[in-house]
Every structure is written in structure tokens, then in C-alpha cells.
N, C-alpha and C. Protein backbone atom coordinates (compact mmCIF):
# COMPACT_ATOMS: atom_id res chain seq x y z
N MET A 1 201.95 30.28 163.05
CA MET A 1 201.34 28.98 162.88
C MET A 1 202.44 27.91 162.91
N ILE A 2 202.16 26.83 163.60
CA ILE A 2 203.10 25.71 163.68
C ILE A 2 202.91 24.87 162.42
N SER A 3 204.02 24.62 161.71
CA SER A 3 203.96 23.88 160.46
C SER A 3 203.86 22.37 160.71
N THR A 4 203.62 21.65 159.64
CA THR A 4 203.60 20.19 159.69
C THR A 4 204.95 19.67 160.20
N LYS A 5 206.02 20.30 159.79
CA LYS A 5 207.35 19.87 160.21
C LYS A 5 207.48 19.92 161.73
N GLY A 6 207.03 20.99 162.34
CA GLY A 6 207.09 21.12 163.79
C GLY A 6 206.18 20.13 164.49
N ARG A 7 204.97 19.97 163.96
CA ARG A 7 204.01 19.03 164.57
C ARG A 7 204.51 17.59 164.47
N TYR A 8 205.05 17.23 163.31
CA TYR A 8 205.56 15.87 163.13
C TYR A 8 206.79 15.62 163.99
N ALA A 9 207.64 16.62 164.14
CA ALA A 9 208.82 16.47 165.00
C ALA A 9 208.37 16.19 166.43
N LEU A 10 207.35 16.88 166.87
CA LEU A 10 206.82 16.65 168.21
C LEU A 10 206.27 15.22 168.33
N ARG A 11 205.60 14.75 167.30
CA ARG A 11 205.08 13.38 167.30
C ARG A 11 206.21 12.35 167.36
N VAL A 12 207.30 12.60 166.64
CA VAL A 12 208.46 11.70 166.68
C VAL A 12 209.04 11.67 168.09
N MET A 13 209.17 12.84 168.69
CA MET A 13 209.73 12.91 170.03
C MET A 13 208.84 12.20 171.05
N ILE A 14 207.54 12.33 170.91
CA ILE A 14 206.60 11.64 171.79
C ILE A 14 206.72 10.13 171.60
N GLU A 15 206.81 9.72 170.35
CA GLU A 15 206.95 8.30 170.03
C GLU A 15 208.21 7.73 170.68
N LEU A 16 209.32 8.45 170.58
CA LEU A 16 210.57 7.98 171.18
C LEU A 16 210.47 8.00 172.71
N ALA A 17 209.77 8.97 173.26
CA ALA A 17 209.59 9.03 174.71
C ALA A 17 208.76 7.84 175.19
N GLU A 18 207.74 7.48 174.42
CA GLU A 18 206.90 6.33 174.78
C GLU A 18 207.69 5.03 174.79
N HIS A 19 208.71 4.96 173.95
CA HIS A 19 209.51 3.74 173.83
C HIS A 19 210.90 3.92 174.43
N ASN A 20 211.03 4.92 175.29
CA ASN A 20 212.31 5.19 175.93
C ASN A 20 212.76 3.97 176.73
N GLY A 21 214.02 3.62 176.59
CA GLY A 21 214.54 2.47 177.31
C GLY A 21 214.44 1.16 176.54
N GLU A 22 213.82 1.20 175.37
CA GLU A 22 213.67 -0.01 174.55
C GLU A 22 214.76 -0.12 173.49
N GLY A 23 215.72 0.77 173.51
CA GLY A 23 216.77 0.76 172.50
C GLY A 23 216.38 1.62 171.31
N TYR A 24 217.13 1.45 170.24
CA TYR A 24 216.90 2.25 169.02
C TYR A 24 215.59 1.83 168.35
N ILE A 25 214.78 2.81 168.01
CA ILE A 25 213.49 2.56 167.38
C ILE A 25 213.64 2.84 165.88
N PRO A 26 213.39 1.83 165.03
CA PRO A 26 213.52 2.03 163.58
C PRO A 26 212.55 3.09 163.06
N LEU A 27 213.03 3.87 162.12
CA LEU A 27 212.21 4.93 161.54
C LEU A 27 210.97 4.36 160.86
N LYS A 28 211.10 3.19 160.26
CA LYS A 28 209.93 2.59 159.59
C LYS A 28 208.83 2.28 160.60
N ASP A 29 209.20 1.93 161.82
CA ASP A 29 208.20 1.67 162.87
C ASP A 29 207.52 2.96 163.30
N ILE A 30 208.30 4.01 163.45
CA ILE A 30 207.73 5.31 163.83
C ILE A 30 206.78 5.77 162.73
N ALA A 31 207.23 5.67 161.49
CA ALA A 31 206.41 6.11 160.35
C ALA A 31 205.09 5.34 160.30
N ALA A 32 205.15 4.04 160.52
CA ALA A 32 203.94 3.22 160.47
C ALA A 32 202.98 3.58 161.60
N ARG A 33 203.50 3.69 162.81
CA ARG A 33 202.63 3.98 163.96
C ARG A 33 202.04 5.39 163.87
N GLN A 34 202.82 6.33 163.35
CA GLN A 34 202.36 7.72 163.27
C GLN A 34 201.64 8.04 161.96
N GLU A 35 201.66 7.07 161.05
CA GLU A 35 201.04 7.26 159.73
C GLU A 35 201.58 8.51 159.02
N ILE A 36 202.92 8.57 159.01
CA ILE A 36 203.64 9.66 158.35
C ILE A 36 204.62 9.02 157.37
N SER A 37 204.77 9.63 156.22
CA SER A 37 205.71 9.13 155.22
C SER A 37 207.12 9.00 155.80
N LYS A 38 207.74 7.85 155.59
CA LYS A 38 209.10 7.62 156.06
C LYS A 38 210.05 8.62 155.43
N LYS A 39 209.82 8.91 154.17
CA LYS A 39 210.68 9.86 153.45
C LYS A 39 210.64 11.25 154.11
N TYR A 40 209.45 11.68 154.49
CA TYR A 40 209.32 12.98 155.15
C TYR A 40 209.95 12.94 156.55
N LEU A 41 209.77 11.82 157.25
CA LEU A 41 210.36 11.69 158.58
C LEU A 41 211.89 11.71 158.53
N GLU A 42 212.47 11.23 157.43
CA GLU A 42 213.93 11.27 157.30
C GLU A 42 214.45 12.71 157.40
N ILE A 43 213.72 13.63 156.81
CA ILE A 43 214.10 15.05 156.86
C ILE A 43 213.99 15.56 158.30
N ILE A 44 212.91 15.18 158.97
CA ILE A 44 212.66 15.66 160.33
C ILE A 44 213.70 15.10 161.31
N VAL A 45 213.96 13.78 161.24
CA VAL A 45 214.91 13.20 162.20
C VAL A 45 216.32 13.74 161.95
N LYS A 46 216.64 14.05 160.72
CA LYS A 46 217.96 14.63 160.43
C LYS A 46 218.12 15.95 161.19
N GLU A 47 217.07 16.76 161.20
CA GLU A 47 217.09 18.03 161.93
C GLU A 47 217.17 17.80 163.44
N LEU A 48 216.43 16.83 163.93
CA LEU A 48 216.45 16.53 165.36
C LEU A 48 217.82 16.01 165.80
N VAL A 49 218.48 15.22 164.96
CA VAL A 49 219.83 14.74 165.25
C VAL A 49 220.79 15.93 165.27
N LYS A 50 220.65 16.80 164.29
CA LYS A 50 221.50 18.00 164.19
C LYS A 50 221.36 18.86 165.45
N GLY A 51 220.15 18.91 166.00
CA GLY A 51 219.90 19.68 167.21
C GLY A 51 220.23 18.93 168.49
N LYS A 52 220.82 17.74 168.35
CA LYS A 52 221.20 16.90 169.49
C LYS A 52 220.01 16.57 170.40
N MET A 53 218.85 16.44 169.78
CA MET A 53 217.65 16.04 170.52
C MET A 53 217.52 14.52 170.50
N ILE A 54 217.92 13.92 169.38
CA ILE A 54 217.89 12.47 169.26
C ILE A 54 219.22 12.01 168.68
N ALA A 55 219.48 10.73 168.86
CA ALA A 55 220.68 10.12 168.28
C ALA A 55 220.22 8.99 167.37
N GLY A 56 220.94 8.81 166.29
CA GLY A 56 220.62 7.77 165.34
C GLY A 56 221.73 6.76 165.21
N GLN A 57 221.34 5.55 164.85
CA GLN A 57 222.31 4.48 164.59
C GLN A 57 221.83 3.72 163.37
N GLY A 58 222.72 3.53 162.42
CA GLY A 58 222.37 2.81 161.20
C GLY A 58 222.55 1.31 161.34
N GLY A 59 222.11 0.62 160.32
CA GLY A 59 222.31 -0.83 160.26
C GLY A 59 221.30 -1.63 161.05
N ARG A 60 221.57 -2.90 161.13
CA ARG A 60 220.68 -3.83 161.83
C ARG A 60 220.58 -3.42 163.31
N GLY A 61 219.38 -3.34 163.81
CA GLY A 61 219.17 -2.92 165.19
C GLY A 61 219.26 -1.42 165.37
N GLY A 62 219.37 -0.71 164.25
CA GLY A 62 219.49 0.74 164.31
C GLY A 62 218.14 1.44 164.41
N GLY A 63 218.21 2.73 164.48
CA GLY A 63 217.03 3.56 164.58
C GLY A 63 217.38 4.82 165.34
N TYR A 64 216.43 5.28 166.17
CA TYR A 64 216.61 6.55 166.88
C TYR A 64 216.22 6.42 168.34
N VAL A 65 216.92 7.20 169.18
CA VAL A 65 216.63 7.26 170.61
C VAL A 65 216.74 8.72 171.04
N LEU A 66 216.12 9.03 172.16
CA LEU A 66 216.27 10.35 172.76
C LEU A 66 217.67 10.50 173.33
N CYS A 67 218.20 11.69 173.29
CA CYS A 67 219.52 11.95 173.88
C CYS A 67 219.42 12.21 175.39
N ARG A 68 218.24 12.61 175.85
CA ARG A 68 218.03 12.90 177.27
C ARG A 68 216.78 12.16 177.75
N LYS A 69 216.51 12.25 179.02
CA LYS A 69 215.29 11.67 179.57
C LYS A 69 214.09 12.47 179.04
N PRO A 70 212.95 11.82 178.82
CA PRO A 70 211.77 12.51 178.29
C PRO A 70 211.36 13.75 179.09
N GLU A 71 211.53 13.70 180.40
CA GLU A 71 211.14 14.84 181.23
C GLU A 71 212.08 16.04 181.09
N ASP A 72 213.20 15.85 180.41
CA ASP A 72 214.15 16.94 180.20
C ASP A 72 213.92 17.72 178.91
N TYR A 73 212.90 17.36 178.15
CA TYR A 73 212.57 18.08 176.90
C TYR A 73 211.32 18.91 177.11
N THR A 74 211.36 20.15 176.61
CA THR A 74 210.13 20.94 176.60
C THR A 74 209.59 20.99 175.18
N VAL A 75 208.29 21.13 175.08
CA VAL A 75 207.66 21.28 173.77
C VAL A 75 208.21 22.52 173.08
N GLY A 76 208.44 23.58 173.85
CA GLY A 76 208.96 24.82 173.29
C GLY A 76 210.29 24.66 172.60
N GLU A 77 211.23 23.95 173.23
CA GLU A 77 212.55 23.79 172.60
C GLU A 77 212.46 22.98 171.31
N ILE A 78 211.58 21.98 171.31
CA ILE A 78 211.42 21.15 170.11
C ILE A 78 210.83 21.98 168.97
N LEU A 79 209.76 22.70 169.27
CA LEU A 79 209.12 23.51 168.23
C LEU A 79 210.04 24.62 167.73
N GLU A 80 210.73 25.30 168.64
CA GLU A 80 211.62 26.37 168.19
C GLU A 80 212.79 25.84 167.38
N TRP A 81 213.29 24.65 167.72
CA TRP A 81 214.37 24.09 166.93
C TRP A 81 213.90 23.83 165.50
N MET A 82 212.70 23.30 165.36
CA MET A 82 212.19 22.93 164.04
C MET A 82 211.62 24.12 163.28
N GLU A 83 211.00 25.06 163.98
CA GLU A 83 210.29 26.16 163.34
C GLU A 83 211.09 27.45 163.29
N GLY A 84 212.06 27.58 164.16
CA GLY A 84 212.68 28.89 164.34
C GLY A 84 211.86 29.64 165.37
N SER A 85 211.96 30.92 165.38
CA SER A 85 211.26 31.73 166.37
C SER A 85 209.75 31.53 166.30
N LEU A 86 209.13 31.50 167.46
CA LEU A 86 207.67 31.42 167.52
C LEU A 86 207.07 32.81 167.73
N ALA A 87 207.89 33.85 167.56
CA ALA A 87 207.42 35.22 167.75
C ALA A 87 206.26 35.54 166.80
N THR A 88 205.31 36.26 167.34
CA THR A 88 204.11 36.62 166.58
C THR A 88 204.38 37.67 165.50
N VAL A 89 205.22 38.63 165.84
CA VAL A 89 205.54 39.71 164.91
C VAL A 89 207.06 39.81 164.74
N SER A 90 207.48 40.27 163.60
CA SER A 90 208.91 40.27 163.27
C SER A 90 209.76 41.11 164.22
N CYS A 91 209.19 42.16 164.79
CA CYS A 91 210.00 43.01 165.67
C CYS A 91 210.34 42.32 166.99
N LEU A 92 209.68 41.20 167.29
CA LEU A 92 209.96 40.48 168.53
C LEU A 92 210.85 39.26 168.34
N VAL A 93 211.25 39.00 167.12
CA VAL A 93 212.17 37.89 166.86
C VAL A 93 213.51 38.24 167.48
N GLN A 94 214.07 37.30 168.24
CA GLN A 94 215.36 37.53 168.89
C GLN A 94 216.41 37.90 167.85
N GLY A 95 217.14 38.97 168.10
CA GLY A 95 218.19 39.41 167.19
C GLY A 95 217.69 40.34 166.08
N ALA A 96 216.39 40.61 166.05
CA ALA A 96 215.85 41.52 165.03
C ALA A 96 216.34 42.93 165.32
N PRO A 97 216.54 43.71 164.26
CA PRO A 97 216.94 45.10 164.50
C PRO A 97 215.84 45.84 165.26
N PRO A 98 216.22 46.81 166.06
CA PRO A 98 215.21 47.56 166.81
C PRO A 98 214.19 48.21 165.87
N CYS A 99 212.94 48.15 166.27
CA CYS A 99 211.88 48.75 165.46
C CYS A 99 211.89 50.26 165.68
N PRO A 100 211.94 51.03 164.61
CA PRO A 100 211.95 52.49 164.76
C PRO A 100 210.63 53.03 165.35
N ARG A 101 209.59 52.24 165.31
CA ARG A 101 208.29 52.68 165.82
C ARG A 101 208.02 52.22 167.26
N ALA A 102 208.96 51.48 167.83
CA ALA A 102 208.72 50.87 169.15
C ALA A 102 208.27 51.88 170.20
N GLU A 103 208.86 53.05 170.23
CA GLU A 103 208.51 54.06 171.23
C GLU A 103 207.06 54.51 171.12
N HIS A 104 206.53 54.49 169.91
CA HIS A 104 205.19 55.01 169.67
C HIS A 104 204.17 53.93 169.32
N CYS A 105 204.61 52.69 169.31
CA CYS A 105 203.74 51.60 168.88
C CYS A 105 202.71 51.29 169.97
N LYS A 106 201.47 51.46 169.63
CA LYS A 106 200.39 51.22 170.59
C LYS A 106 200.11 49.72 170.77
N THR A 107 200.57 48.89 169.84
CA THR A 107 200.28 47.46 169.93
C THR A 107 201.46 46.61 170.43
N LEU A 108 202.62 47.20 170.60
CA LEU A 108 203.80 46.44 171.00
C LEU A 108 203.58 45.66 172.30
N SER A 109 203.02 46.30 173.28
CA SER A 109 202.81 45.61 174.57
C SER A 109 201.85 44.43 174.41
N LEU A 110 200.88 44.57 173.52
CA LEU A 110 199.94 43.48 173.23
C LEU A 110 200.69 42.27 172.68
N TRP A 111 201.55 42.51 171.69
CA TRP A 111 202.32 41.42 171.07
C TRP A 111 203.30 40.82 172.06
N GLN A 112 203.91 41.64 172.88
CA GLN A 112 204.85 41.13 173.88
C GLN A 112 204.14 40.23 174.89
N GLU A 113 202.97 40.64 175.33
CA GLU A 113 202.21 39.84 176.28
C GLU A 113 201.78 38.51 175.65
N TYR A 114 201.31 38.58 174.42
CA TYR A 114 200.89 37.37 173.72
C TYR A 114 202.07 36.41 173.52
N ASP A 115 203.20 36.95 173.08
CA ASP A 115 204.39 36.11 172.86
C ASP A 115 204.85 35.46 174.17
N LYS A 116 204.77 36.19 175.27
CA LYS A 116 205.16 35.64 176.56
C LYS A 116 204.22 34.48 176.94
N MET A 117 202.93 34.63 176.69
CA MET A 117 201.98 33.56 176.99
C MET A 117 202.29 32.30 176.18
N VAL A 118 202.56 32.48 174.88
CA VAL A 118 202.87 31.35 174.00
C VAL A 118 204.17 30.70 174.46
N HIS A 119 205.19 31.51 174.68
CA HIS A 119 206.49 30.99 175.12
C HIS A 119 206.33 30.21 176.42
N ASP A 120 205.71 30.81 177.40
CA ASP A 120 205.56 30.16 178.71
C ASP A 120 204.75 28.87 178.59
N PHE A 121 203.69 28.89 177.79
CA PHE A 121 202.86 27.70 177.61
C PHE A 121 203.69 26.54 177.08
N PHE A 122 204.40 26.76 175.96
CA PHE A 122 205.16 25.68 175.34
C PHE A 122 206.38 25.26 176.15
N TYR A 123 207.02 26.21 176.85
CA TYR A 123 208.20 25.86 177.62
C TYR A 123 207.87 25.25 178.98
N GLN A 124 206.63 25.32 179.40
CA GLN A 124 206.22 24.66 180.64
C GLN A 124 205.74 23.24 180.39
N LYS A 125 205.49 22.89 179.14
CA LYS A 125 205.04 21.55 178.80
C LYS A 125 206.23 20.66 178.47
N LYS A 126 206.32 19.55 179.19
CA LYS A 126 207.38 18.57 178.96
C LYS A 126 206.82 17.44 178.10
N LEU A 127 207.69 16.68 177.48
CA LEU A 127 207.23 15.50 176.74
C LEU A 127 206.40 14.58 177.64
N THR A 128 206.83 14.45 178.87
CA THR A 128 206.12 13.57 179.79
C THR A 128 204.72 14.08 180.12
N ASP A 129 204.48 15.38 179.99
CA ASP A 129 203.13 15.91 180.20
C ASP A 129 202.17 15.45 179.11
N ILE A 130 202.70 15.21 177.94
CA ILE A 130 201.88 14.81 176.81
C ILE A 130 201.60 13.30 176.85
N LEU A 131 202.57 12.56 177.37
CA LEU A 131 202.39 11.11 177.47
C LEU A 131 201.25 10.80 178.40
């Protein structure tokens, strides 16, 4: 399940994409337009800055901007940065130890197919597709 943090991060990214080229967008403006607590958005934008998805500038005229063009972001990368793995089951999380039941697991191929569908869906969607 995608958490509020992931959904709100996507909304912030869409907001910045909509105002791309207008300079730094103040967080208070994003919070007001998106009807999200500014305090909660501070946590989200901090993570997005850490992931080099957005850049921030303090002071007068400050705010946030995208680091790349809107068409260069996928929904998948944004969600995975904020949420971590989108894997359905723990044995499919990247870097997980091999499952001792993998050879005999009757449902593994089901989970792999489902995870591939989810991954492909989110990684084929660009911010510009949502705009």
C-alpha cells in the first residue's frame, strides 16, 4: 500500500512540475494549494531534497524547484524513494536473502508477475503524463 507520505510527495512533485520555469515555489503556497499541512510537507520535501529530486532555497524568494525536467521523472522513482521497495512480498525485495522455499513455492511466479506489472506501470508513468 502506498502511504500518505508517498502520495503527498507525488503531489508536491506534480505541483512543482505545473509551475516549472516559474522559479522557486514557496512551501506555504504548495501547502495551501494542495491542502496539506506545511509542517508535514517540510518532512516530505526534506526527503525529496535528500534524493536530489528537488532543490530548495531559503530566504526571500526561496522555495523549491525540480532538479530535472518534469518529463525526466517517473512516478516509480518518486514512490520508491519515499516508500522504499514496492515489492508485494518480502522475498522479492531487492537485496533480500534468498528464500529457502523458492524452489518449491507455488506462488512465487504469481508474486513476480504482479510485482513486474506494478513496477512497469509506475515506471512508465512520467510526471508529465499526470499533468
